[in-house]
Amino acid sequence: MAFSFQSNGKGRRRSGAALAEINIVPLVDVVLVLLVIFMLTAHVMEFGLEVEVPRVKQVKDSADELPVITVTKGGELYLNDRQVNINQLGEEVRAKFPKHSAVYVRADRSAIWDPIAQVISVLGEAKLEPRMVTQPVDHAGK
């Protein structure tokens, strides 16, 4: 903070002569730093796992609330954004979604086939119907 005083030579201040100036430069610096931090971290705050599913011509829309099993590119398994062991997959789905007999399987298109086949096999053993998640083909370029 900067203060400005005027003296009359004897060390006394004149009343009403004191001026206080507020320096807002540090405030602007802090706000700009916070803005830059927010801009850099905003893209990280997206929801869910990043999985690129394959594209198909026919897509069936569904409003059902079903459990979603995600198979990542590296072969990790997630049940609704929580990592799960394939040996406990059927029990986990039955425990969390007892009313459902179908499960969405969302697999990255570059994932190897073995984990996907294992998931479908485990779901079949647990008497659950696997439904594959896909994206529609973009026809805008045609």
C-alpha atoms as a PDB file:
ATOM      1  CA  MET A   1       0.000   0.000   0.000  1.00  0.00           C
ATOM      2  CA  ALA A   2       1.237   3.454  -0.747  1.00  0.00           C
ATOM      3  CA  PHE A   3       0.565   6.405   1.526  1.00  0.00           C
ATOM      4  CA  SER A   4       1.189  10.015   0.752  1.00  0.00           C
ATOM      5  CA  PHE A   5       1.765  12.454   3.582  1.00  0.00           C
ATOM      6  CA  GLN A   6       2.523  16.109   3.474  1.00  0.00           C
ATOM      7  CA  SER A   7       4.486  17.678   6.280  1.00  0.00           C
ATOM      8  CA  ASN A   8       4.653  21.297   7.346  1.00  0.00           C
ATOM      9  CA  GLY A   9       8.341  21.052   8.353  1.00  0.00           C
ATOM     10  CA  LYS A  10       7.858  20.502  12.096  1.00  0.00           C
ATOM     11  CA  GLY A  11       7.002  16.821  11.800  1.00  0.00           C
ATOM     12  CA  ARG A  12       3.277  17.370  12.026  1.00  0.00           C
ATOM     13  CA  ARG A  13       0.786  16.312   9.418  1.00  0.00           C
ATOM     14  CA  ARG A  14      -1.949  18.545   8.231  1.00  0.00           C
ATOM     15  CA  SER A  15      -5.346  17.035   8.929  1.00  0.00           C
ATOM     16  CA  GLY A  16      -7.120  15.914   5.786  1.00  0.00           C
ATOM     17  CA  ALA A  17      -3.907  15.763   3.786  1.00  0.00           C
ATOM     18  CA  ALA A  18      -3.376  11.995   4.123  1.00  0.00           C
ATOM     19  CA  LEU A  19      -4.193  10.051   0.991  1.00  0.00           C
ATOM     20  CA  ALA A  20      -4.446   6.285   0.762  1.00  0.00           C
ATOM     21  CA  GLU A  21      -4.036   4.609  -2.598  1.00  0.00           C
ATOM     22  CA  ILE A  22      -4.952   0.968  -3.135  1.00  0.00           C
ATOM     23  CA  ASN A  23      -2.609  -0.933  -5.416  1.00  0.00           C
ATOM     24  CA  ILE A  24      -4.685  -3.430  -7.449  1.00  0.00           C
ATOM     25  CA  VAL A  25      -1.791  -4.849  -9.463  1.00  0.00           C
ATOM     26  CA  PRO A  26      -1.302  -7.848  -7.107  1.00  0.00           C
ATOM     27  CA  LEU A  27      -5.044  -8.562  -7.262  1.00  0.00           C
ATOM     28  CA  VAL A  28      -4.978  -8.545 -11.062  1.00  0.00           C
ATOM     29  CA  ASP A  29      -1.909 -10.830 -11.033  1.00  0.00           C
ATOM     30  CA  VAL A  30      -3.662 -13.365  -8.800  1.00  0.00           C
ATOM     31  CA  VAL A  31      -6.832 -13.302 -10.901  1.00  0.00           C
ATOM     32  CA  LEU A  32      -4.865 -13.838 -14.114  1.00  0.00           C
ATOM     33  CA  VAL A  33      -2.927 -16.749 -12.603  1.00  0.00           C
ATOM     34  CA  LEU A  34      -6.193 -18.366 -11.459  1.00  0.00           C
ATOM     35  CA  LEU A  35      -7.647 -17.862 -14.940  1.00  0.00           C
ATOM     36  CA  VAL A  36      -4.649 -19.561 -16.567  1.00  0.00           C
ATOM     37  CA  ILE A  37      -4.833 -22.478 -14.108  1.00  0.00           C
ATOM     38  CA  PHE A  38      -8.550 -22.896 -14.800  1.00  0.00           C
ATOM     39  CA  MET A  39      -7.996 -22.814 -18.564  1.00  0.00           C
ATOM     40  CA  LEU A  40      -5.275 -25.472 -18.352  1.00  0.00           C
ATOM     41  CA  THR A  41      -7.240 -27.841 -16.104  1.00  0.00           C
ATOM     42  CA  ALA A  42     -10.719 -27.429 -17.608  1.00  0.00           C
ATOM     43  CA  HIS A  43     -10.200 -30.131 -20.250  1.00  0.00           C
ATOM     44  CA  VAL A  44      -9.181 -32.639 -17.556  1.00  0.00           C
ATOM     45  CA  MET A  45     -12.504 -32.327 -15.755  1.00  0.00           C
ATOM     46  CA  GLU A  46     -14.473 -34.228 -18.393  1.00  0.00           C
ATOM     47  CA  PHE A  47     -16.730 -36.994 -17.097  1.00  0.00           C
ATOM     48  CA  GLY A  48     -15.980 -40.670 -17.471  1.00  0.00           C
ATOM     49  CA  LEU A  49     -13.422 -42.800 -19.203  1.00  0.00           C
ATOM     50  CA  GLU A  50     -12.231 -41.987 -22.679  1.00  0.00           C
ATOM     51  CA  VAL A  51     -13.197 -44.924 -24.887  1.00  0.00           C
ATOM     52  CA  GLU A  52     -13.633 -44.746 -28.643  1.00  0.00           C
ATOM     53  CA  VAL A  53     -16.345 -47.243 -29.584  1.00  0.00           C
ATOM     54  CA  PRO A  54     -16.671 -48.649 -33.133  1.00  0.00           C
ATOM     55  CA  ARG A  55     -19.050 -47.038 -35.635  1.00  0.00           C
ATOM     56  CA  VAL A  56     -21.918 -48.953 -37.238  1.00  0.00           C
ATOM     57  CA  LYS A  57     -24.737 -48.031 -39.640  1.00  0.00           C
ATOM     58  CA  GLN A  58     -27.676 -49.146 -37.485  1.00  0.00           C
ATOM     59  CA  VAL A  59     -27.950 -47.730 -33.976  1.00  0.00           C
ATOM     60  CA  LYS A  60     -30.655 -48.638 -31.494  1.00  0.00           C
ATOM     61  CA  ASP A  61     -31.538 -45.979 -28.928  1.00  0.00           C
ATOM     62  CA  SER A  62     -32.525 -47.097 -25.471  1.00  0.00           C
ATOM     63  CA  ALA A  63     -33.710 -45.206 -22.412  1.00  0.00           C
ATOM     64  CA  ASP A  64     -33.100 -48.149 -20.072  1.00  0.00           C
ATOM     65  CA  GLU A  65     -30.925 -47.555 -17.030  1.00  0.00           C
ATOM     66  CA  LEU A  66     -28.494 -50.443 -17.357  1.00  0.00           C
ATOM     67  CA  PRO A  67     -25.071 -51.194 -15.947  1.00  0.00           C
ATOM     68  CA  VAL A  68     -22.190 -50.364 -18.258  1.00  0.00           C
ATOM     69  CA  ILE A  69     -19.036 -52.461 -18.475  1.00  0.00           C
ATOM     70  CA  THR A  70     -16.149 -50.603 -20.110  1.00  0.00           C
ATOM     71  CA  VAL A  71     -13.174 -52.385 -21.670  1.00  0.00           C
ATOM     72  CA  THR A  72     -10.286 -49.972 -22.200  1.00  0.00           C
ATOM     73  CA  LYS A  73      -7.574 -50.138 -24.843  1.00  0.00           C
ATOM     74  CA  GLY A  74      -5.263 -51.804 -22.325  1.00  0.00           C
ATOM     75  CA  GLY A  75      -7.848 -54.427 -21.314  1.00  0.00           C
ATOM     76  CA  GLU A  76      -8.912 -52.971 -17.945  1.00  0.00           C
ATOM     77  CA  LEU A  77     -12.541 -53.515 -16.918  1.00  0.00           C
ATOM     78  CA  TYR A  78     -14.792 -50.909 -15.313  1.00  0.00           C
ATOM     79  CA  LEU A  79     -18.347 -51.266 -14.037  1.00  0.00           C
ATOM     80  CA  ASN A  80     -19.889 -47.791 -14.243  1.00  0.00           C
ATOM     81  CA  ASP A  81     -16.512 -45.992 -13.894  1.00  0.00           C
ATOM     82  CA  ARG A  82     -15.245 -48.260 -11.066  1.00  0.00           C
ATOM     83  CA  GLN A  83     -12.546 -50.823 -11.824  1.00  0.00           C
ATOM     84  CA  VAL A  84     -13.690 -54.426 -11.348  1.00  0.00           C
ATOM     85  CA  ASN A  85     -12.089 -57.873 -11.479  1.00  0.00           C
ATOM     86  CA  ILE A  86     -13.383 -60.148 -14.268  1.00  0.00           C
ATOM     87  CA  ASN A  87     -13.736 -63.032 -11.799  1.00  0.00           C
ATOM     88  CA  GLN A  88     -16.213 -61.002  -9.734  1.00  0.00           C
ATOM     89  CA  LEU A  89     -17.967 -59.298 -12.633  1.00  0.00           C
ATOM     90  CA  GLY A  90     -21.207 -61.325 -12.536  1.00  0.00           C
ATOM     91  CA  GLU A  91     -21.609 -60.961  -8.762  1.00  0.00           C
ATOM     92  CA  GLU A  92     -20.860 -57.221  -8.877  1.00  0.00           C
ATOM     93  CA  VAL A  93     -23.474 -56.612 -11.580  1.00  0.00           C
ATOM     94  CA  ARG A  94     -26.078 -58.713  -9.736  1.00  0.00           C
ATOM     95  CA  ALA A  95     -25.344 -56.958  -6.431  1.00  0.00           C
ATOM     96  CA  LYS A  96     -25.523 -53.403  -7.794  1.00  0.00           C
ATOM     97  CA  PHE A  97     -28.249 -53.928 -10.412  1.00  0.00           C
ATOM     98  CA  PRO A  98     -30.500 -56.768  -9.185  1.00  0.00           C
ATOM     99  CA  LYS A  99     -33.465 -55.799 -11.409  1.00  0.00           C
ATOM    100  CA  HIS A 100     -31.539 -55.862 -14.692  1.00  0.00           C
ATOM    101  CA  SER A 101     -30.878 -58.834 -16.910  1.00  0.00           C
ATOM    102  CA  ALA A 102     -28.959 -56.902 -19.600  1.00  0.00           C
ATOM    103  CA  VAL A 103     -25.609 -55.109 -19.474  1.00  0.00           C
ATOM    104  CA  TYR A 104     -24.085 -52.590 -21.871  1.00  0.00           C
ATOM    105  CA  VAL A 105     -20.552 -53.523 -22.951  1.00  0.00           C
ATOM    106  CA  ARG A 106     -18.582 -50.501 -24.115  1.00  0.00           C
ATOM    107  CA  ALA A 107     -15.203 -51.450 -25.580  1.00  0.00           C
ATOM    108  CA  ASP A 108     -12.545 -49.305 -27.187  1.00  0.00           C
ATOM    109  CA  ARG A 109     -12.330 -50.104 -30.874  1.00  0.00           C
ATOM    110  CA  SER A 110      -8.585 -50.634 -30.663  1.00  0.00           C
ATOM    111  CA  ALA A 111      -8.862 -52.972 -27.660  1.00  0.00           C
ATOM    112  CA  ILE A 112      -7.739 -56.544 -28.150  1.00  0.00           C
ATOM    113  CA  TRP A 113     -10.552 -59.059 -28.574  1.00  0.00           C
ATOM    114  CA  ASP A 114      -9.642 -61.446 -25.733  1.00  0.00           C
ATOM    115  CA  PRO A 115     -10.867 -59.297 -22.781  1.00  0.00           C
ATOM    116  CA  ILE A 116     -14.087 -58.504 -24.652  1.00  0.00           C
ATOM    117  CA  ALA A 117     -14.721 -62.196 -25.320  1.00  0.00           C
ATOM    118  CA  GLN A 118     -13.991 -63.002 -21.666  1.00  0.00           C
ATOM    119  CA  VAL A 119     -16.501 -60.359 -20.509  1.00  0.00           C
ATOM    120  CA  ILE A 120     -19.198 -61.732 -22.832  1.00  0.00           C
ATOM    121  CA  SER A 121     -18.483 -65.257 -21.578  1.00  0.00           C
ATOM    122  CA  VAL A 122     -18.679 -64.235 -17.907  1.00  0.00           C
ATOM    123  CA  LEU A 123     -21.926 -62.354 -18.542  1.00  0.00           C
ATOM    124  CA  GLY A 124     -23.383 -65.435 -20.269  1.00  0.00           C
ATOM    125  CA  GLU A 125     -22.455 -67.610 -17.286  1.00  0.00           C
ATOM    126  CA  ALA A 126     -24.178 -65.108 -14.970  1.00  0.00           C
ATOM    127  CA  LYS A 127     -27.327 -65.223 -17.174  1.00  0.00           C
ATOM    128  CA  LEU A 128     -26.894 -61.582 -18.190  1.00  0.00           C
ATOM    129  CA  GLU A 129     -27.511 -60.348 -21.731  1.00  0.00           C
ATOM    130  CA  PRO A 130     -24.589 -58.331 -23.167  1.00  0.00           C
ATOM    131  CA  ARG A 131     -25.524 -55.358 -25.352  1.00  0.00           C
ATOM    132  CA  MET A 132     -22.666 -53.800 -27.313  1.00  0.00           C
ATOM    133  CA  VAL A 133     -22.338 -49.997 -27.332  1.00  0.00           C
ATOM    134  CA  THR A 134     -21.524 -48.451 -30.734  1.00  0.00           C
ATOM    135  CA  GLN A 135     -21.587 -45.051 -32.438  1.00  0.00           C
ATOM    136  CA  PRO A 136     -23.505 -44.186 -35.601  1.00  0.00           C
ATOM    137  CA  VAL A 137     -21.521 -43.764 -38.810  1.00  0.00           C
ATOM    138  CA  ASP A 138     -21.193 -40.129 -39.825  1.00  0.00           C
ATOM    139  CA  HIS A 139     -22.978 -39.742 -43.192  1.00  0.00           C
ATOM    140  CA  ALA A 140     -22.253 -36.009 -43.499  1.00  0.00           C
ATOM    141  CA  GLY A 141     -19.298 -36.603 -45.825  1.00  0.00           C
ATOM    142  CA  LYS A 142     -21.312 -38.733 -48.287  1.00  0.00           C
END
